[in-house]
Each structure stands twice: as C-alpha cells, then as structure tokens.
N, C-alpha and C. Protein backbone atom coordinates (compact mmCIF):
# COMPACT_ATOMS: atom_id res chain seq x y z
N MET A 1 -36.36 33.49 -7.52
CA MET A 1 -36.01 33.13 -6.24
C MET A 1 -35.76 31.64 -6.05
N VAL A 2 -36.46 30.91 -6.72
CA VAL A 2 -36.16 29.39 -6.69
C VAL A 2 -34.96 29.06 -7.26
N VAL A 3 -34.32 29.72 -8.18
CA VAL A 3 -32.99 29.58 -8.76
C VAL A 3 -31.98 29.85 -7.69
N ILE A 4 -32.14 30.98 -7.04
CA ILE A 4 -31.27 31.22 -5.75
C ILE A 4 -31.26 30.16 -4.83
N TRP A 5 -32.49 29.81 -4.26
CA TRP A 5 -32.50 28.61 -3.35
C TRP A 5 -31.82 27.43 -3.77
N GLY A 6 -32.10 27.07 -5.10
CA GLY A 6 -31.53 25.85 -5.69
C GLY A 6 -30.05 25.95 -5.69
N ALA A 7 -29.42 27.01 -6.16
CA ALA A 7 -28.08 27.20 -6.28
C ALA A 7 -27.42 27.11 -4.83
N LEU A 8 -28.04 27.68 -3.91
CA LEU A 8 -27.58 27.71 -2.44
C LEU A 8 -27.51 26.26 -1.86
N ALA A 9 -28.71 25.48 -2.24
CA ALA A 9 -28.85 24.11 -1.80
C ALA A 9 -27.64 23.28 -2.41
N LEU A 10 -27.32 23.45 -3.74
CA LEU A 10 -26.35 22.77 -4.36
C LEU A 10 -24.97 23.12 -3.79
N ALA A 11 -24.86 24.35 -3.50
CA ALA A 11 -23.49 24.89 -3.00
C ALA A 11 -23.29 24.20 -1.57
N VAL A 12 -24.41 24.13 -0.88
CA VAL A 12 -24.27 23.49 0.53
C VAL A 12 -23.94 21.99 0.49
N ILE A 13 -24.61 21.21 -0.39
CA ILE A 13 -24.48 19.99 -0.63
C ILE A 13 -23.08 19.68 -1.24
N PHE A 14 -22.48 20.57 -2.10
CA PHE A 14 -21.02 20.44 -2.55
C PHE A 14 -20.05 20.61 -1.41
N VAL A 15 -20.35 21.53 -0.50
CA VAL A 15 -19.45 21.81 0.64
C VAL A 15 -19.47 20.56 1.68
N ILE A 16 -20.59 20.06 1.85
CA ILE A 16 -20.59 18.85 2.75
C ILE A 16 -19.89 17.68 2.06
N ALA A 17 -20.26 17.40 0.73
CA ALA A 17 -19.42 16.39 0.06
C ALA A 17 -17.99 16.43 0.18
N ALA A 18 -17.49 17.73 -0.08
CA ALA A 18 -16.08 18.06 -0.12
C ALA A 18 -15.49 17.76 1.27
N LEU A 19 -16.18 18.15 2.20
CA LEU A 19 -15.68 17.92 3.64
C LEU A 19 -15.54 16.38 3.95
N VAL A 20 -16.60 15.71 3.64
CA VAL A 20 -16.56 14.31 3.83
C VAL A 20 -15.62 13.56 3.10
N ILE A 21 -15.47 13.89 1.95
CA ILE A 21 -14.37 13.18 1.03
C ILE A 21 -13.04 13.51 1.58
N GLY A 22 -12.77 14.86 1.79
CA GLY A 22 -11.47 15.28 2.43
C GLY A 22 -11.19 14.57 3.74
N ARG A 23 -12.25 14.48 4.57
CA ARG A 23 -11.84 13.75 5.80
C ARG A 23 -11.52 12.23 5.68
N GLU A 24 -12.30 11.52 4.71
CA GLU A 24 -12.04 10.23 4.53
C GLU A 24 -10.53 9.90 3.78
N ALA A 25 -10.35 10.86 2.93
CA ALA A 25 -9.05 10.80 2.21
C ALA A 25 -7.95 10.95 3.18
N ARG A 26 -7.90 11.88 4.14
CA ARG A 26 -6.97 11.98 5.18
C ARG A 26 -6.88 10.77 6.20
N ARG A 27 -8.02 10.21 6.40
CA ARG A 27 -7.94 9.05 7.36
C ARG A 27 -7.35 7.88 6.68
N LEU A 28 -7.65 7.55 5.27
CA LEU A 28 -7.15 6.51 4.65
C LEU A 28 -5.71 6.66 4.18
N ASP A 29 -5.20 8.09 4.09
CA ASP A 29 -3.93 8.21 3.95
C ASP A 29 -2.87 7.96 5.17
N ALA A 30 -3.58 8.02 6.37
CA ALA A 30 -2.90 7.82 7.47
C ALA A 30 -2.71 6.41 7.88
N LEU A 31 -3.50 5.47 7.16
CA LEU A 31 -3.36 4.02 7.43
C LEU A 31 -2.18 3.51 6.51
N PRO A 32 -1.38 2.55 7.01
CA PRO A 32 -0.47 1.89 6.14
C PRO A 32 -1.11 1.17 5.10
N PRO A 33 -0.50 0.93 3.89
CA PRO A 33 -1.08 0.10 2.87
C PRO A 33 -1.18 -1.37 3.34
N ARG A 34 -2.19 -2.12 2.88
CA ARG A 34 -2.40 -3.42 3.32
C ARG A 34 -1.47 -4.14 2.40
N PRO A 35 -0.60 -5.17 2.96
CA PRO A 35 0.22 -5.93 2.22
C PRO A 35 -0.60 -6.99 1.33
N LEU A 36 -0.06 -7.10 0.05
CA LEU A 36 -0.81 -8.08 -0.79
C LEU A 36 0.17 -9.18 -1.31
N PHE A 37 -0.07 -10.37 -1.14
CA PHE A 37 0.68 -11.40 -1.60
C PHE A 37 0.43 -11.67 -2.94
N ASP A 38 1.21 -11.40 -3.83
CA ASP A 38 1.05 -11.85 -5.30
C ASP A 38 1.96 -12.93 -5.58
N LEU A 39 1.45 -14.16 -6.06
CA LEU A 39 2.29 -15.21 -6.18
C LEU A 39 3.37 -15.09 -7.28
N ASP A 40 3.07 -14.42 -8.35
CA ASP A 40 3.96 -14.28 -9.45
C ASP A 40 5.17 -13.44 -8.99
N GLU A 41 4.76 -12.26 -8.22
CA GLU A 41 5.86 -11.32 -7.67
C GLU A 41 6.59 -12.08 -6.63
N ALA A 42 6.05 -12.92 -5.80
CA ALA A 42 6.72 -13.74 -4.82
C ALA A 42 7.69 -14.60 -5.38
N VAL A 43 7.32 -15.29 -6.59
CA VAL A 43 8.32 -16.35 -7.10
C VAL A 43 9.40 -15.63 -7.68
N ALA A 44 9.23 -14.52 -8.49
CA ALA A 44 10.38 -13.76 -8.95
C ALA A 44 11.21 -13.15 -7.81
N TRP A 45 10.75 -12.69 -6.66
CA TRP A 45 11.31 -12.17 -5.67
C TRP A 45 12.28 -13.21 -4.92
N VAL A 46 11.59 -14.33 -4.68
CA VAL A 46 12.21 -15.50 -3.97
C VAL A 46 13.44 -16.07 -4.75
N ALA A 47 13.02 -16.29 -6.08
CA ALA A 47 14.11 -16.94 -6.91
C ALA A 47 15.31 -15.84 -6.98
N ASP A 48 15.13 -14.65 -6.92
CA ASP A 48 16.24 -13.75 -7.06
C ASP A 48 16.99 -13.60 -5.77
N HIS A 49 16.43 -14.10 -4.59
CA HIS A 49 17.12 -13.94 -3.35
C HIS A 49 17.50 -15.19 -2.79
N LEU A 50 17.55 -16.20 -3.54
CA LEU A 50 17.97 -17.51 -3.05
C LEU A 50 19.56 -17.53 -3.26
N PRO A 51 20.23 -18.38 -2.28
CA PRO A 51 21.79 -18.52 -2.41
C PRO A 51 22.06 -19.11 -3.77
N PHE A 52 23.24 -18.72 -4.31
CA PHE A 52 23.56 -19.23 -5.53
C PHE A 52 23.48 -20.68 -5.83
N GLU A 53 23.90 -21.43 -4.74
CA GLU A 53 24.02 -22.89 -5.06
C GLU A 53 22.60 -23.41 -5.20
N ILE A 54 21.65 -22.86 -4.56
CA ILE A 54 20.17 -23.27 -4.68
C ILE A 54 19.53 -22.71 -6.08
N SER A 55 19.83 -21.43 -6.43
CA SER A 55 19.26 -20.83 -7.56
C SER A 55 19.84 -21.60 -8.79
N ALA A 56 20.98 -22.10 -8.69
CA ALA A 56 21.64 -22.66 -9.85
C ALA A 56 20.98 -23.97 -10.29
N VAL A 57 20.20 -24.63 -9.33
CA VAL A 57 19.46 -25.87 -9.41
C VAL A 57 18.05 -25.66 -9.65
N LEU A 58 17.30 -24.68 -8.88
CA LEU A 58 15.83 -24.59 -9.14
C LEU A 58 15.47 -23.64 -9.98
N SER A 59 14.53 -23.87 -10.91
CA SER A 59 13.90 -22.95 -11.77
C SER A 59 12.86 -22.20 -11.16
N HIS A 60 12.13 -21.12 -11.78
CA HIS A 60 11.16 -20.48 -11.25
C HIS A 60 9.98 -21.38 -11.09
N ASP A 61 9.72 -22.31 -11.95
CA ASP A 61 8.61 -23.23 -11.66
C ASP A 61 8.91 -24.15 -10.35
N ASP A 62 10.18 -24.45 -10.12
CA ASP A 62 10.38 -25.17 -8.97
C ASP A 62 10.09 -24.28 -7.70
N VAL A 63 10.52 -22.96 -7.72
CA VAL A 63 10.07 -22.13 -6.67
C VAL A 63 8.72 -22.09 -6.48
N ARG A 64 7.86 -21.86 -7.61
CA ARG A 64 6.38 -21.75 -7.61
C ARG A 64 5.79 -23.13 -7.07
N ASN A 65 6.32 -24.21 -7.34
CA ASN A 65 5.74 -25.44 -6.82
C ASN A 65 5.97 -25.36 -5.29
N ILE A 66 7.03 -25.07 -4.79
CA ILE A 66 7.36 -25.13 -3.28
C ILE A 66 6.49 -24.13 -2.67
N LEU A 67 6.29 -22.82 -3.15
CA LEU A 67 5.42 -21.90 -2.63
C LEU A 67 4.06 -22.25 -2.61
N ASP A 68 3.62 -22.90 -3.79
CA ASP A 68 2.24 -23.31 -3.64
C ASP A 68 2.08 -24.33 -2.57
N TRP A 69 2.97 -25.40 -2.48
CA TRP A 69 2.79 -26.35 -1.46
C TRP A 69 2.75 -25.75 0.00
N ASN A 70 3.68 -24.80 0.18
CA ASN A 70 3.81 -24.18 1.32
C ASN A 70 2.26 -23.50 1.68
N LEU A 71 1.84 -22.82 0.74
CA LEU A 71 0.43 -22.09 1.01
C LEU A 71 -0.72 -23.23 1.20
N GLU A 72 -0.58 -24.35 0.53
CA GLU A 72 -1.52 -25.38 0.68
C GLU A 72 -1.32 -26.01 2.19
N PHE A 73 -0.24 -26.12 2.56
CA PHE A 73 -0.09 -26.38 4.09
C PHE A 73 -0.62 -25.50 4.98
N PHE A 74 -0.42 -24.17 4.72
CA PHE A 74 -0.98 -23.10 5.57
C PHE A 74 -2.43 -23.28 5.57
N ARG A 75 -2.96 -23.34 4.43
CA ARG A 75 -4.56 -23.49 4.28
C ARG A 75 -5.06 -24.64 5.08
N SER A 76 -4.24 -25.72 4.87
CA SER A 76 -4.89 -27.04 5.71
C SER A 76 -4.75 -26.82 7.08
N LYS A 77 -3.95 -25.96 7.69
CA LYS A 77 -3.75 -25.63 9.10
C LYS A 77 -4.68 -24.52 9.57
N GLY A 78 -5.39 -23.83 8.61
CA GLY A 78 -6.08 -22.63 8.93
C GLY A 78 -5.23 -21.43 9.17
N ALA A 79 -4.06 -21.39 8.62
CA ALA A 79 -3.15 -20.39 8.98
C ALA A 79 -2.99 -19.32 7.81
N SER A 80 -3.93 -19.28 6.86
CA SER A 80 -3.96 -18.30 5.82
C SER A 80 -5.35 -17.51 5.77
N GLY A 81 -5.15 -16.44 5.22
CA GLY A 81 -6.54 -15.75 5.02
C GLY A 81 -6.35 -14.34 5.71
N ASN A 82 -7.39 -13.52 5.87
CA ASN A 82 -7.43 -12.11 6.22
C ASN A 82 -7.67 -11.96 7.64
N GLY A 83 -7.82 -12.93 8.35
CA GLY A 83 -7.99 -12.87 9.84
C GLY A 83 -9.56 -12.50 10.13
N SER A 84 -10.37 -12.64 9.16
CA SER A 84 -11.76 -12.30 9.33
C SER A 84 -12.68 -13.57 9.99
N SER A 85 -12.13 -14.63 10.24
CA SER A 85 -12.91 -15.77 10.59
C SER A 85 -13.30 -15.52 12.00
N SER A 86 -14.38 -16.35 12.42
CA SER A 86 -14.93 -16.11 13.70
C SER A 86 -13.99 -16.65 14.79
N HIS A 87 -12.85 -17.32 14.46
CA HIS A 87 -11.90 -17.84 15.37
C HIS A 87 -10.61 -16.92 15.29
N ALA A 88 -10.68 -15.65 15.03
CA ALA A 88 -9.54 -14.88 14.92
C ALA A 88 -8.64 -14.73 16.03
N ASP A 89 -9.24 -15.10 17.23
CA ASP A 89 -8.49 -15.09 18.50
C ASP A 89 -7.69 -16.15 18.84
N GLU A 90 -7.90 -17.38 17.98
CA GLU A 90 -7.08 -18.62 18.01
C GLU A 90 -5.90 -18.50 17.37
N ARG A 91 -4.69 -18.87 18.05
CA ARG A 91 -3.38 -18.96 17.34
C ARG A 91 -3.24 -20.24 16.63
N VAL A 92 -2.61 -19.98 15.65
CA VAL A 92 -2.26 -21.29 14.77
C VAL A 92 -0.67 -21.22 14.61
N ILE A 93 -0.13 -22.19 15.28
CA ILE A 93 1.35 -22.37 15.22
C ILE A 93 1.81 -23.51 14.46
N VAL A 94 2.60 -23.06 13.46
CA VAL A 94 3.03 -24.10 12.43
C VAL A 94 4.53 -24.01 12.47
N SER A 95 5.29 -25.14 12.76
CA SER A 95 6.69 -25.18 12.77
C SER A 95 7.22 -25.25 11.44
N GLU A 96 8.58 -24.78 11.29
CA GLU A 96 9.09 -24.83 9.97
C GLU A 96 9.45 -26.37 9.57
N ALA A 97 9.71 -27.08 10.66
CA ALA A 97 9.94 -28.53 10.34
C ALA A 97 8.73 -29.15 9.75
N GLU A 98 7.59 -28.89 10.27
CA GLU A 98 6.37 -29.38 9.75
C GLU A 98 6.05 -29.01 8.31
N THR A 99 6.26 -27.62 7.99
CA THR A 99 6.23 -27.07 6.66
C THR A 99 7.18 -27.89 5.74
N VAL A 100 8.35 -27.89 6.07
CA VAL A 100 9.43 -28.55 5.16
C VAL A 100 8.97 -29.93 4.88
N ASP A 101 8.40 -30.77 5.98
CA ASP A 101 8.05 -32.09 5.87
C ASP A 101 6.89 -32.22 4.91
N PHE A 102 5.86 -31.40 5.01
CA PHE A 102 4.69 -31.42 4.07
C PHE A 102 5.27 -31.16 2.70
N VAL A 103 6.04 -30.13 2.42
CA VAL A 103 6.56 -29.79 1.11
C VAL A 103 7.36 -30.97 0.55
N LEU A 104 8.18 -31.55 1.31
CA LEU A 104 9.00 -32.65 0.83
C LEU A 104 8.16 -33.89 0.44
N ALA A 105 7.05 -34.17 1.37
CA ALA A 105 6.09 -35.39 1.08
C ALA A 105 5.34 -34.92 -0.37
N ARG A 106 4.80 -33.68 -0.46
CA ARG A 106 4.19 -33.31 -1.69
C ARG A 106 5.16 -33.37 -2.98
N SER A 107 6.33 -33.00 -2.77
CA SER A 107 7.29 -33.00 -3.88
C SER A 107 7.67 -34.57 -4.26
N ALA A 108 7.77 -35.36 -3.36
CA ALA A 108 7.99 -36.90 -3.45
C ALA A 108 6.66 -37.42 -4.28
N SER A 109 5.56 -36.99 -3.85
CA SER A 109 4.36 -37.52 -4.46
C SER A 109 4.13 -37.09 -6.02
N THR A 110 4.80 -36.03 -6.33
CA THR A 110 4.70 -35.63 -7.74
C THR A 110 6.05 -35.95 -8.56
N GLY A 111 6.91 -36.72 -7.86
CA GLY A 111 8.08 -37.03 -8.57
C GLY A 111 9.21 -35.88 -8.63
N SER A 112 9.06 -34.87 -7.98
CA SER A 112 10.08 -33.71 -7.93
C SER A 112 11.02 -33.82 -6.72
N PRO A 113 12.25 -34.12 -7.09
CA PRO A 113 13.11 -34.54 -6.23
C PRO A 113 13.92 -33.43 -5.49
N TYR A 114 13.09 -32.48 -4.63
CA TYR A 114 13.68 -31.45 -4.01
C TYR A 114 14.35 -31.95 -2.61
N THR A 115 15.49 -31.20 -2.15
CA THR A 115 16.10 -31.61 -1.02
C THR A 115 15.58 -30.69 0.15
N ALA A 116 15.91 -31.16 1.32
CA ALA A 116 15.38 -30.26 2.62
C ALA A 116 16.12 -28.84 2.46
N ALA A 117 17.40 -28.87 2.07
CA ALA A 117 18.15 -27.71 1.97
C ALA A 117 17.54 -26.69 0.87
N GLN A 118 17.11 -27.25 -0.09
CA GLN A 118 16.38 -26.44 -1.12
C GLN A 118 15.05 -25.82 -0.57
N VAL A 119 14.29 -26.68 0.07
CA VAL A 119 13.05 -26.15 0.47
C VAL A 119 13.23 -25.20 1.59
N HIS A 120 14.28 -25.44 2.54
CA HIS A 120 14.58 -24.54 3.52
C HIS A 120 14.92 -23.13 2.98
N ALA A 121 15.68 -23.12 1.97
CA ALA A 121 16.11 -21.77 1.42
C ALA A 121 15.05 -21.17 0.68
N VAL A 122 14.13 -21.74 0.07
CA VAL A 122 12.92 -21.15 -0.55
C VAL A 122 11.99 -20.48 0.64
N LEU A 123 11.82 -21.30 1.62
CA LEU A 123 10.87 -20.94 2.77
C LEU A 123 11.54 -19.73 3.34
N ASP A 124 12.89 -19.76 3.58
CA ASP A 124 13.60 -18.64 4.19
C ASP A 124 13.50 -17.43 3.47
N ALA A 125 13.57 -17.56 2.02
CA ALA A 125 13.46 -16.33 1.18
C ALA A 125 12.10 -15.85 1.17
N GLN A 126 11.02 -16.79 1.19
CA GLN A 126 9.66 -16.39 1.22
C GLN A 126 9.40 -15.65 2.53
N ARG A 127 9.89 -16.02 3.67
CA ARG A 127 9.74 -15.23 4.88
C ARG A 127 10.41 -13.86 4.82
N THR A 128 11.47 -13.71 4.21
CA THR A 128 12.07 -12.41 3.90
C THR A 128 11.09 -11.53 3.06
N TYR A 129 10.67 -12.19 2.02
CA TYR A 129 9.69 -11.40 1.12
C TYR A 129 8.51 -11.04 1.80
N LEU A 130 7.88 -11.80 2.71
CA LEU A 130 6.77 -11.46 3.56
C LEU A 130 7.03 -10.27 4.41
N GLU A 131 8.29 -10.29 4.99
CA GLU A 131 8.70 -9.21 5.83
C GLU A 131 8.88 -7.92 5.07
N ALA A 132 9.32 -8.10 3.78
CA ALA A 132 9.59 -6.92 2.82
C ALA A 132 8.39 -6.13 2.45
N ILE A 133 7.35 -7.02 2.19
CA ILE A 133 5.97 -6.45 1.91
C ILE A 133 5.03 -6.04 3.06
N GLY A 134 5.61 -6.22 4.25
CA GLY A 134 5.00 -5.86 5.48
C GLY A 134 3.86 -6.85 5.91
N ALA A 135 3.72 -8.11 5.35
CA ALA A 135 2.78 -9.14 5.72
C ALA A 135 3.05 -9.69 7.10
N ILE A 136 4.35 -9.75 7.55
CA ILE A 136 4.78 -10.16 8.84
C ILE A 136 5.72 -9.25 9.33
N GLY A 137 5.80 -9.16 10.57
CA GLY A 137 6.73 -8.19 11.24
C GLY A 137 7.36 -9.00 12.44
N PRO A 138 8.05 -8.11 13.32
CA PRO A 138 8.72 -8.75 14.44
C PRO A 138 7.79 -9.51 15.37
N GLU A 139 8.18 -10.39 16.10
CA GLU A 139 7.30 -11.03 17.05
C GLU A 139 6.84 -10.08 18.14
N GLY A 140 5.55 -10.04 18.43
CA GLY A 140 4.96 -9.40 19.60
C GLY A 140 5.30 -9.78 20.87
N PRO A 141 5.01 -9.08 21.93
CA PRO A 141 5.20 -9.58 23.25
C PRO A 141 4.40 -10.84 23.54
N ALA A 142 4.93 -11.66 24.25
CA ALA A 142 4.23 -13.04 24.77
C ALA A 142 2.94 -12.57 25.46
N GLY A 143 1.85 -13.20 25.13
CA GLY A 143 0.66 -12.98 25.78
C GLY A 143 0.51 -13.93 27.00
N PRO A 144 -0.55 -13.76 27.64
CA PRO A 144 -0.83 -14.63 28.88
C PRO A 144 -0.76 -16.24 28.58
N ASP A 145 -1.27 -16.45 27.37
CA ASP A 145 -1.42 -17.91 26.99
C ASP A 145 -0.22 -18.39 26.27
N ALA A 146 0.82 -17.63 26.18
CA ALA A 146 1.92 -18.02 25.15
C ALA A 146 2.86 -18.92 25.97
C-alpha cells in the first residue's frame, strides 16, 4: 500500500512540475528576446556598414576605438546600463554633437587623427546596428515633461 501511495505522490508531483514548467516556457516564449550588445559583433557589423570612403581609411581597430570612446561617453553621462538604477525615470539626453566632440577629444589625446566625418559615419552605423538588434526603436510619444 505504501508503494501505491508513493507512486501516486510522485505522479502528482510530476504533473504539477510539468504544468509549472510548461506555463513558464510559454510565458518566456511570448516575450521578445532581450537585445545584447556584443562589442566584437558591433565592430564587425559597423565596419561592414560604413560608406566605402570611410571603410577604406578606418580599420576594425579604429572602429573599435571609436565605439569604445562612445560607450565611455555614455557611461560618463549615466546613459548606459539596463535601466535598473534608482533613477530609471530620469531622462538622459545626449546630443550627437557632444558625443562626436568627446570622441574627437579622446582620439586627439591618444594621437589618433580621426575626422568628424569618420566619427559621424561610425556612430551612424552604430545607431543602425542598435536598431537592428532591437536595442533602440522609434521615438515614443512626447511625454508631459518633454
């Protein structure tokens, strides 16, 4: 009799576990995948999508440097991360001109003579990459404080 009750208990536990796992799998399947910024992938993608006159001059290492400095600038402004900070409702607005100026200043400090046109091209291609992986989308409606 104990064996029957044990088998019945195991069967009930298995059914409950299967239902819970199935429900969670369906819930997770309905969610879009979270975009993941991979620097190596971004460098290759951006370098492949630059205008010819820019890609003829910049190497993959140059593209990596520009992307690294762009990310450094975003971190300094608090505009990178997963949105889990206590100030998630605060907007961080960074202009393209500020970003380009920062990247050009960093490149000058390291002796890398990038032009504004080269930096703009890399940052434009990076924006397209971020849209392609779903990290950024179209602008939302203007809020009350916009």
